[in-house]
Protein backbone atom coordinates (compact mmCIF):
# COMPACT_ATOMS: atom_id res chain seq x y z
CA UNK A 1 0.17 0.05 -0.16
CA UNK A 2 1.42 3.26 -1.01
CA UNK A 3 1.62 6.24 1.34
CA UNK A 4 1.40 9.88 0.22
CA UNK A 5 4.86 12.07 0.23
CA UNK A 6 5.12 15.16 2.53
CA UNK A 7 6.68 18.36 1.70
CA UNK A 8 8.96 17.83 4.32
CA UNK A 9 10.00 14.33 2.86
CA UNK A 10 10.10 15.88 -0.68
CA UNK A 11 12.79 18.62 0.34
CA UNK A 12 14.94 15.88 2.25
CA UNK A 13 14.95 13.52 -0.41
CA UNK A 14 15.75 16.18 -2.92
CA UNK A 15 18.88 17.58 -0.99
CA UNK A 16 20.21 13.82 -0.14
CA UNK A 17 19.82 13.50 -4.15
CA UNK A 18 21.80 16.44 -5.18
CA UNK A 19 24.46 15.97 -2.74
CA UNK A 20 25.19 12.44 -3.29
CA UNK A 21 24.52 11.75 -6.76
CA UNK A 22 28.14 12.72 -7.98
CA UNK A 23 30.05 11.33 -4.91
CA UNK A 24 31.33 8.11 -4.89
CA UNK A 25 29.10 7.21 -2.05
CA UNK A 26 25.80 6.10 -3.72
CA UNK A 27 22.94 8.26 -4.05
CA UNK A 28 20.37 5.60 -4.56
CA UNK A 29 21.68 3.53 -1.20
CA UNK A 30 21.34 7.10 0.54
CA UNK A 31 18.07 7.59 -0.62
CA UNK A 32 17.13 4.07 0.41
CA UNK A 33 18.89 4.51 3.78
CA UNK A 34 17.16 8.01 4.67
CA UNK A 35 13.81 6.91 3.57
CA UNK A 36 13.75 3.83 5.86
CA UNK A 37 15.51 5.17 8.96
CA UNK A 38 13.60 8.91 8.99
CA UNK A 39 10.37 7.86 7.32
CA UNK A 40 9.89 4.03 7.68
CA UNK A 41 9.61 3.27 3.76
CA UNK A 42 10.93 3.42 0.48
CA UNK A 43 10.83 6.47 -1.99
CA UNK A 44 11.01 3.74 -4.61
CA UNK A 45 13.26 3.25 -7.28
CA UNK A 46 11.24 5.46 -10.02
CA UNK A 47 11.17 8.73 -7.43
CA UNK A 48 14.87 8.36 -7.31
CA UNK A 49 15.20 7.90 -11.26
CA UNK A 50 13.35 10.71 -11.87
CA UNK A 51 14.66 13.23 -9.26
CA UNK A 52 18.31 12.14 -10.95
CA UNK A 53 16.94 14.27 -13.97
CA UNK A 54 17.35 17.16 -11.75
CA UNK A 55 21.22 16.31 -11.19
CA UNK A 56 21.84 15.14 -14.78
CA UNK A 57 20.50 18.80 -15.55
CA UNK A 58 23.14 20.30 -13.42
CA UNK A 59 25.98 18.32 -15.46
CA UNK A 60 24.22 19.37 -18.67
CA UNK A 61 24.70 22.80 -17.66
CA UNK A 62 27.94 23.03 -16.03
CA UNK A 63 29.51 20.87 -18.83
CA UNK A 64 27.46 22.61 -21.53
CA UNK A 65 30.65 23.96 -23.53
CA UNK A 66 32.15 20.42 -23.40
CA UNK A 67 28.87 18.72 -24.60
CA UNK A 68 28.38 21.24 -27.52
CA UNK A 69 31.59 20.71 -28.65
CA UNK A 70 31.42 16.88 -28.52
CA UNK A 71 27.84 16.67 -30.33
CA UNK A 72 28.97 19.09 -33.06
CA UNK A 73 32.34 17.31 -33.53
CA UNK A 74 30.62 14.02 -33.47
CA UNK A 75 28.02 14.94 -36.18
CA UNK A 76 30.84 16.30 -38.35
CA UNK A 77 33.29 13.29 -38.10
CA UNK A 78 30.02 11.00 -38.76
CA UNK A 79 29.58 12.79 -42.09
CA UNK A 80 33.04 13.94 -42.97
CA UNK A 81 35.92 11.43 -42.69
CA UNK A 82 38.63 14.27 -42.12
CA UNK A 83 37.20 15.48 -38.94
CA UNK A 84 37.61 11.90 -37.34
CA UNK A 85 41.15 12.57 -35.84
CA UNK A 86 39.28 15.01 -33.60
CA UNK A 87 39.45 14.08 -29.72
CA UNK A 88 36.15 15.46 -29.06
CA UNK A 89 34.48 13.30 -32.10
CA UNK A 90 36.17 9.81 -30.40
CA UNK A 91 34.72 11.26 -26.63
CA UNK A 92 31.34 10.81 -28.40
CA UNK A 93 31.60 7.37 -29.35
CA UNK A 94 33.28 6.73 -26.05
CA UNK A 95 30.22 7.99 -24.25
CA UNK A 96 28.01 6.12 -26.53
CA UNK A 97 29.88 2.60 -26.46
CA UNK A 98 30.20 3.36 -22.84
CA UNK A 99 26.41 3.63 -22.26
CA UNK A 100 25.81 0.20 -23.78
CA UNK A 101 26.35 -1.99 -20.96
CA UNK A 102 24.22 -0.31 -18.55
CA UNK A 103 21.50 0.23 -21.01
CA UNK A 104 21.35 -3.67 -21.61
CA UNK A 105 21.55 -4.59 -17.91
CA UNK A 106 19.06 -2.15 -16.99
CA UNK A 107 16.41 -3.55 -19.38
CA UNK A 108 17.25 -7.08 -18.47
CA UNK A 109 17.10 -6.61 -14.53
CA UNK A 110 14.48 -3.81 -14.46
CA UNK A 111 12.48 -5.61 -11.95
CA UNK A 112 15.48 -6.58 -9.90
CA UNK A 113 16.70 -3.34 -9.56
CA UNK A 114 13.34 -1.87 -8.48
CA UNK A 115 12.45 -4.79 -5.61
CA UNK A 116 15.30 -7.28 -4.61
CA UNK A 117 18.46 -4.76 -5.22
CA UNK A 118 16.64 -2.25 -2.56
CA UNK A 119 17.10 -4.51 0.07
CA UNK A 120 18.94 -2.75 2.86
CA UNK A 121 21.40 -5.58 3.84
CA UNK A 122 22.51 -5.39 0.17
CA UNK A 123 22.98 -1.80 0.26
CA UNK A 124 25.32 -2.12 3.55
CA UNK A 125 27.26 -4.93 1.99
CA UNK A 126 27.83 -3.12 -0.97
CA UNK A 127 28.61 0.03 0.73
CA UNK A 128 31.34 -1.89 2.45
CA UNK A 129 32.82 -4.15 -0.23
CA UNK A 130 33.06 -1.70 -3.03
CA UNK A 131 34.95 0.73 -0.46
CA UNK A 132 38.06 -1.76 -0.72
CA UNK A 133 37.56 -1.50 -4.25
CA UNK A 134 37.52 2.12 -4.42
CA UNK A 135 40.78 2.01 -2.02
CA UNK A 136 42.61 -0.59 -4.23
CA UNK A 137 42.29 1.88 -7.51
CA UNK A 138 43.34 4.99 -5.49
CA UNK A 139 46.28 2.52 -4.03
CA UNK A 140 47.64 0.80 -7.43
CA UNK A 141 46.27 3.26 -9.97
CA UNK A 142 49.02 5.27 -11.55
CA UNK A 143 47.49 8.61 -12.46
CA UNK A 144 49.31 9.35 -15.37
CA UNK A 145 46.75 9.59 -18.17
CA UNK A 146 44.72 12.68 -19.21
CA UNK A 147 40.88 12.87 -20.43
CA UNK A 148 42.47 13.46 -23.84
CA UNK A 149 44.34 9.83 -23.44
CA UNK A 150 40.96 8.20 -23.34
CA UNK A 151 40.59 5.22 -25.77
CA UNK A 152 37.34 3.45 -26.87
CA UNK A 153 38.53 0.40 -24.47
CA UNK A 154 38.64 2.70 -21.76
CA UNK A 155 35.45 3.89 -22.34
CA UNK A 156 33.69 0.16 -22.66
CA UNK A 157 35.57 -0.99 -19.14
CA UNK A 158 34.37 2.34 -17.36
CA UNK A 159 30.61 1.80 -19.13
CA UNK A 160 30.79 -1.55 -17.51
CA UNK A 161 31.90 -0.26 -14.14
CA UNK A 162 28.99 2.28 -14.54
CA UNK A 163 26.67 -0.60 -15.08
CA UNK A 164 27.33 -1.71 -11.33
CA UNK A 165 25.66 1.22 -9.99
CA UNK A 166 22.16 -0.20 -10.65
CA UNK A 167 22.75 -1.88 -7.44
CA UNK A 168 21.97 0.64 -4.71
CA UNK A 169 25.42 0.89 -2.43
CA UNK A 170 28.02 0.59 -5.21
CA UNK A 171 27.69 4.40 -6.76
CA UNK A 172 27.92 5.20 -10.13
CA UNK A 173 30.73 7.76 -10.11
CA UNK A 174 32.42 5.27 -7.47
CA UNK A 175 32.65 2.57 -10.07
CA UNK A 176 33.54 4.46 -13.15
CA UNK A 177 36.06 6.28 -11.34
CA UNK A 178 37.76 3.41 -9.81
CA UNK A 179 37.87 1.82 -13.21
CA UNK A 180 39.55 5.13 -14.77
CA UNK A 181 42.08 4.99 -11.97
CA UNK A 182 42.97 1.22 -12.46
CA UNK A 183 43.07 2.14 -16.15
CA UNK A 184 45.64 4.63 -15.11
CA UNK A 185 43.72 7.89 -15.36
CA UNK A 186 43.77 10.99 -13.33
CA UNK A 187 41.33 11.35 -10.94
CA UNK A 188 40.02 14.55 -12.22
CA UNK A 189 40.12 12.85 -15.69
CA UNK A 190 38.03 9.90 -14.68
CA UNK A 191 35.60 12.25 -12.93
CA UNK A 192 35.03 14.40 -16.11
CA UNK A 193 34.50 11.12 -18.29
CA UNK A 194 32.28 9.90 -15.51
CA UNK A 195 30.04 12.68 -15.54
CA UNK A 196 29.77 12.73 -19.18
CA UNK A 197 29.44 9.01 -19.31
CA UNK A 198 26.26 9.17 -16.71
CA UNK A 199 24.13 11.80 -18.92
CA UNK A 200 22.54 9.38 -21.48
CA UNK A 201 21.92 6.55 -18.97
CA UNK A 202 20.49 8.73 -16.33
CA UNK A 203 18.28 10.53 -18.64
CA UNK A 204 17.06 7.43 -20.37
CA UNK A 205 16.30 6.08 -16.91
CA UNK A 206 14.46 9.15 -15.75
CA UNK A 207 12.31 9.61 -18.51
CA UNK A 208 11.75 5.87 -18.58
CA UNK A 209 10.58 5.96 -15.19
CA UNK A 210 8.06 9.01 -15.40
CA UNK A 211 5.25 7.06 -15.71
CA UNK A 212 5.76 4.51 -12.69
CA UNK A 213 6.59 7.50 -10.70
CA UNK A 214 3.40 9.04 -11.06
CA UNK A 215 1.56 5.97 -10.84
CA UNK A 216 3.38 3.78 -8.09
CA UNK A 217 2.66 0.41 -7.83
CA UNK A 218 3.07 -1.85 -4.24
CA UNK A 219 4.21 0.01 -0.82
CA UNK A 220 6.18 3.31 -0.61
CA UNK A 221 5.83 6.93 -0.94
CA UNK A 222 4.05 8.38 -3.53
CA UNK A 223 4.96 11.64 -4.85
CA UNK A 224 2.62 14.33 -6.58
CA UNK A 225 3.51 15.94 -9.77
CA UNK A 226 4.55 18.98 -7.80
CA UNK A 227 6.79 17.13 -5.25
CA UNK A 228 8.47 15.33 -8.00
CA UNK A 229 9.04 18.70 -9.86
CA UNK A 230 10.14 20.41 -6.67
CA UNK A 231 12.61 17.76 -5.62
CA UNK A 232 14.09 17.46 -9.04
CA UNK A 233 14.72 21.41 -8.89
CA UNK A 234 16.42 20.89 -5.42
CA UNK A 235 18.53 17.93 -6.86
CA UNK A 236 19.61 20.34 -9.57
CA UNK A 237 20.66 23.49 -7.53
CA UNK A 238 22.34 21.44 -4.95
CA UNK A 239 23.81 18.73 -7.74
CA UNK A 240 25.43 21.27 -9.49
CA UNK A 241 27.28 22.77 -6.73
CA UNK A 242 28.34 19.21 -5.89
CA UNK A 243 29.94 18.73 -9.26
CA UNK A 244 32.13 22.07 -8.77
CA UNK A 245 33.42 20.93 -5.38
CA UNK A 246 34.33 17.19 -6.64
CA UNK A 247 36.08 18.24 -9.55
CA UNK A 248 38.40 20.50 -7.28
CA UNK A 249 38.48 18.33 -4.44
CA UNK A 250 39.86 15.06 -6.06
CA UNK A 251 42.75 17.16 -7.90
CA UNK A 252 44.14 17.22 -4.21
CA UNK A 253 42.79 14.77 -2.09
CA UNK A 254 42.54 11.17 -2.46
CA UNK A 255 39.54 8.77 -2.48
CA UNK A 256 40.26 7.32 0.71
CA UNK A 257 38.10 10.11 2.40
CA UNK A 258 34.91 8.33 0.42
CA UNK A 259 36.21 4.92 1.23
CA UNK A 260 35.96 5.85 5.38
CA UNK A 261 32.88 7.45 5.14
CA UNK A 262 31.20 4.40 3.28
CA UNK A 263 32.68 2.01 5.96
CA UNK A 264 31.19 3.86 8.81
CA UNK A 265 27.94 4.16 6.93
CA UNK A 266 27.73 0.83 6.01
CA UNK A 267 28.54 -0.84 9.60
CA UNK A 268 25.97 1.85 11.11
CA UNK A 269 23.35 0.27 8.66
CA UNK A 270 24.33 -3.26 9.77
CA UNK A 271 24.13 -1.94 13.17
CA UNK A 272 20.22 -0.32 12.74
CA UNK A 273 19.39 -3.69 10.67
CA UNK A 274 20.80 -6.27 13.31
CA UNK A 275 18.94 -4.36 16.05
CA UNK A 276 15.78 -3.99 14.33
CA UNK A 277 15.56 -0.37 14.40
CA UNK A 278 15.06 -0.43 10.37
CA UNK A 279 13.87 -3.15 7.95
CA UNK A 280 15.82 -4.11 5.38
CA UNK A 281 12.36 -4.10 3.25
């Protein structure tokens, strides 16, 4: 049975989405945790997907110049062979190819993503387990290659890593940035490509989930159209600030800060679940 979402819940969830979408700490995991801990129910995968449109709008605005340049170069290269050595043309293909894994897996496991994957025991486990992946990437990554040195193979590998974020607790940026570090990219280069790579996948997911968000099934919070709009706008504003902060942060700071945070949150979540303070489903 669904429960009407309040405006306080709308604001809080919009803030959480904006703050966590671009950090390697899992926005879907945090929305799931906050919903259960403070509201006693799940905001739902559809609400999560729709509010991600706000954070992706922030990406579109922040990287507007890059996106315009890549799109124009890609179309020029498609129709004129002499323009295909351009890095922006190649980047267009890297984003397209990198989006394929998450698109295929998202369609194949749509029902599981919206149900069993949102179990909080799984979220807690992935928060901790994937922390060690991020730590290993930070430790072993050589960080010598710039975004201009990205290859099609890099795009496919990082795209496959992005698909792991279909499981709440993994983190889209955590997966792609970690893969980039393993491939020898600098943190900034990996983060930039991570943001660009997320655009088609998240936009498609959000638009695909719009009908379900307005007509949810099963248990959880039911948001009105106005609440979805407000939550998405909040996510947009906060998300824009989060992008700017993260790109500056990764230049001079390691990913270990996020590793520590993820482990602490994961352990706290295990404690809350083990003591029965919150329910896993």
